[in-house]
């Protein structure tokens, strides 16, 4: 699988996982790792999912700090 196709698949998997989390309130890690594991090594899929979750938590923390102060 070439890089462009893999990147599009990863973006779609993360978007789908975010949609599940938005609709249900839980399930981002499970959905993201599950779909990413279809095209990537499970360890790589987990690392990519963790990276997106950490970035999201940093963004949410910054927003909470800005709103409180």
N, C-alpha and C. Protein backbone atom coordinates (compact mmCIF):
# COMPACT_ATOMS: atom_id res chain seq x y z
N UNK A 1 0.85 -1.17 0.00
CA UNK A 1 0.00 0.00 0.00
C UNK A 1 0.89 1.24 0.00
N UNK A 2 0.64 2.15 -0.92
CA UNK A 2 1.48 3.34 -0.99
C UNK A 2 1.13 4.32 0.14
N UNK A 3 1.99 5.30 0.32
CA UNK A 3 1.86 6.23 1.45
C UNK A 3 0.57 7.04 1.38
N UNK A 4 0.19 7.52 0.21
CA UNK A 4 -1.01 8.34 0.06
C UNK A 4 -2.26 7.55 0.44
N UNK A 5 -2.37 6.33 -0.02
CA UNK A 5 -3.52 5.50 0.31
C UNK A 5 -3.55 5.19 1.80
N UNK A 6 -2.40 4.90 2.36
CA UNK A 6 -2.31 4.61 3.79
C UNK A 6 -2.69 5.84 4.62
N UNK A 7 -2.23 7.01 4.21
CA UNK A 7 -2.57 8.24 4.93
C UNK A 7 -4.07 8.51 4.85
N UNK A 8 -4.67 8.33 3.69
CA UNK A 8 -6.12 8.52 3.56
C UNK A 8 -6.89 7.54 4.42
N UNK A 9 -6.44 6.30 4.46
CA UNK A 9 -7.10 5.29 5.29
C UNK A 9 -6.99 5.67 6.77
N UNK A 10 -5.81 6.12 7.19
CA UNK A 10 -5.62 6.51 8.59
C UNK A 10 -6.50 7.70 8.96
N UNK A 11 -6.58 8.67 8.08
CA UNK A 11 -7.44 9.83 8.33
C UNK A 11 -8.90 9.39 8.44
N UNK A 12 -9.33 8.53 7.55
CA UNK A 12 -10.70 8.04 7.60
C UNK A 12 -10.96 7.26 8.89
N UNK A 13 -10.02 6.42 9.29
CA UNK A 13 -10.19 5.62 10.52
C UNK A 13 -10.29 6.51 11.75
N UNK A 14 -9.45 7.53 11.83
CA UNK A 14 -9.49 8.45 12.97
C UNK A 14 -10.78 9.26 12.94
N UNK A 15 -11.20 9.69 11.76
CA UNK A 15 -12.46 10.43 11.63
C UNK A 15 -13.64 9.57 12.06
N UNK A 16 -13.65 8.32 11.63
CA UNK A 16 -14.73 7.40 12.01
C UNK A 16 -14.73 7.17 13.52
N UNK A 17 -13.56 7.00 14.10
CA UNK A 17 -13.46 6.81 15.55
C UNK A 17 -13.94 8.04 16.30
N UNK A 18 -13.62 9.23 15.80
CA UNK A 18 -14.10 10.45 16.42
C UNK A 18 -15.61 10.59 16.31
N UNK A 19 -16.16 10.13 15.20
CA UNK A 19 -17.61 10.16 15.03
C UNK A 19 -18.29 9.22 16.02
N UNK A 20 -17.71 8.05 16.22
CA UNK A 20 -18.25 7.11 17.21
C UNK A 20 -18.19 7.72 18.60
N UNK A 21 -17.07 8.36 18.94
CA UNK A 21 -16.95 8.99 20.25
C UNK A 21 -17.95 10.12 20.41
N UNK A 22 -18.16 10.89 19.37
CA UNK A 22 -19.13 11.98 19.45
C UNK A 22 -20.55 11.49 19.59
N UNK A 23 -20.87 10.39 18.95
CA UNK A 23 -22.23 9.87 18.99
C UNK A 23 -22.52 9.11 20.28
N UNK A 24 -21.55 8.33 20.74
CA UNK A 24 -21.77 7.45 21.88
C UNK A 24 -21.14 8.00 23.16
N UNK A 25 -20.04 8.73 23.01
CA UNK A 25 -19.34 9.27 24.17
C UNK A 25 -18.14 8.45 24.58
N UNK A 26 -18.01 7.24 24.05
CA UNK A 26 -16.87 6.37 24.34
C UNK A 26 -16.47 5.65 23.06
N UNK A 27 -15.34 5.02 23.07
CA UNK A 27 -14.99 4.14 21.96
C UNK A 27 -13.95 4.64 20.99
N UNK A 28 -13.36 5.82 21.23
CA UNK A 28 -12.34 6.31 20.30
C UNK A 28 -11.15 5.36 20.21
N UNK A 29 -10.53 4.95 21.32
CA UNK A 29 -9.36 4.07 21.19
C UNK A 29 -9.69 2.72 20.56
N UNK A 30 -10.80 2.14 20.97
CA UNK A 30 -11.17 0.83 20.45
C UNK A 30 -11.42 0.87 18.95
N UNK A 31 -12.18 1.86 18.52
CA UNK A 31 -12.50 1.98 17.10
C UNK A 31 -11.27 2.33 16.28
N UNK A 32 -10.48 3.29 16.77
CA UNK A 32 -9.30 3.73 16.02
C UNK A 32 -8.29 2.60 15.85
N UNK A 33 -7.97 1.92 16.93
CA UNK A 33 -6.98 0.85 16.86
C UNK A 33 -7.51 -0.31 16.01
N UNK A 34 -8.79 -0.60 16.15
CA UNK A 34 -9.37 -1.68 15.35
C UNK A 34 -9.28 -1.42 13.86
N UNK A 35 -9.67 -0.23 13.44
CA UNK A 35 -9.61 0.07 12.01
C UNK A 35 -8.18 0.25 11.51
N UNK A 36 -7.34 0.92 12.29
CA UNK A 36 -5.96 1.13 11.86
C UNK A 36 -5.20 -0.19 11.77
N UNK A 37 -5.58 -1.16 12.60
CA UNK A 37 -4.91 -2.47 12.56
C UNK A 37 -5.20 -3.24 11.28
N UNK A 38 -6.23 -2.83 10.56
CA UNK A 38 -6.50 -3.48 9.28
C UNK A 38 -5.41 -3.19 8.25
N UNK A 39 -4.77 -2.03 8.36
CA UNK A 39 -3.76 -1.66 7.37
C UNK A 39 -2.36 -1.52 7.95
N UNK A 40 -2.25 -1.44 9.27
CA UNK A 40 -0.95 -1.22 9.91
C UNK A 40 -0.67 -2.34 10.90
N UNK A 41 0.59 -2.43 11.29
CA UNK A 41 0.98 -3.31 12.39
C UNK A 41 0.24 -2.84 13.65
N UNK A 42 -0.25 -3.74 14.49
CA UNK A 42 -1.01 -3.32 15.68
C UNK A 42 -0.26 -2.34 16.59
N UNK A 43 1.05 -2.51 16.72
CA UNK A 43 1.81 -1.57 17.55
C UNK A 43 1.84 -0.19 16.94
N UNK A 44 1.97 -0.11 15.62
CA UNK A 44 1.95 1.17 14.93
C UNK A 44 0.56 1.80 15.02
N UNK A 45 -0.47 0.98 14.89
CA UNK A 45 -1.84 1.48 15.00
C UNK A 45 -2.09 2.05 16.39
N UNK A 46 -1.62 1.37 17.41
CA UNK A 46 -1.79 1.85 18.77
C UNK A 46 -1.04 3.17 18.99
N UNK A 47 0.18 3.25 18.47
CA UNK A 47 0.96 4.48 18.61
C UNK A 47 0.27 5.65 17.90
N UNK A 48 -0.26 5.42 16.72
CA UNK A 48 -0.94 6.49 15.99
C UNK A 48 -2.22 6.90 16.72
N UNK A 49 -2.96 5.95 17.25
CA UNK A 49 -4.17 6.28 18.01
C UNK A 49 -3.82 7.04 19.28
N UNK A 50 -2.77 6.63 19.97
CA UNK A 50 -2.35 7.35 21.18
C UNK A 50 -1.92 8.77 20.86
N UNK A 51 -1.22 8.95 19.75
CA UNK A 51 -0.79 10.28 19.35
C UNK A 51 -1.99 11.19 19.13
N UNK A 52 -3.01 10.70 18.45
CA UNK A 52 -4.18 11.54 18.21
C UNK A 52 -4.93 11.82 19.51
N UNK A 53 -4.98 10.86 20.43
CA UNK A 53 -5.67 11.08 21.70
C UNK A 53 -4.93 12.10 22.56
N UNK A 54 -3.60 12.03 22.59
CA UNK A 54 -2.81 12.98 23.37
C UNK A 54 -2.98 14.39 22.79
N UNK A 55 -2.95 14.51 21.47
CA UNK A 55 -3.14 15.82 20.85
C UNK A 55 -4.52 16.38 21.17
N UNK A 56 -5.53 15.54 21.16
CA UNK A 56 -6.89 15.97 21.49
C UNK A 56 -6.98 16.40 22.95
N UNK A 57 -6.34 15.67 23.85
CA UNK A 57 -6.37 16.05 25.27
C UNK A 57 -5.64 17.36 25.52
N UNK A 58 -4.55 17.60 24.82
CA UNK A 58 -3.84 18.88 24.95
C UNK A 58 -4.72 20.02 24.48
N UNK A 59 -5.40 19.82 23.35
CA UNK A 59 -6.30 20.85 22.82
C UNK A 59 -7.45 21.12 23.79
N UNK A 60 -8.03 20.07 24.35
CA UNK A 60 -9.13 20.24 25.30
C UNK A 60 -8.67 20.92 26.58
N UNK A 61 -7.48 20.60 27.04
CA UNK A 61 -6.93 21.25 28.24
C UNK A 61 -6.68 22.73 28.00
N UNK A 62 -6.12 23.05 26.84
CA UNK A 62 -5.88 24.46 26.51
C UNK A 62 -7.18 25.23 26.43
N UNK A 63 -8.21 24.62 25.85
CA UNK A 63 -9.51 25.28 25.76
C UNK A 63 -10.10 25.50 27.15
N UNK A 64 -9.98 24.52 28.03
CA UNK A 64 -10.53 24.64 29.38
C UNK A 64 -9.79 25.73 30.17
N UNK A 65 -8.49 25.81 30.01
CA UNK A 65 -7.71 26.85 30.69
C UNK A 65 -8.10 28.23 30.17
N UNK A 66 -8.27 28.36 28.87
CA UNK A 66 -8.64 29.65 28.29
C UNK A 66 -10.04 30.08 28.72
N UNK A 67 -10.95 29.15 28.86
CA UNK A 67 -12.31 29.49 29.27
C UNK A 67 -12.41 29.82 30.76
N UNK A 68 -11.54 29.24 31.56
CA UNK A 68 -11.62 29.48 33.00
C UNK A 68 -10.91 30.76 33.44
N UNK A 69 -10.01 31.23 32.63
CA UNK A 69 -9.22 32.37 33.07
C UNK A 69 -9.39 33.52 32.23
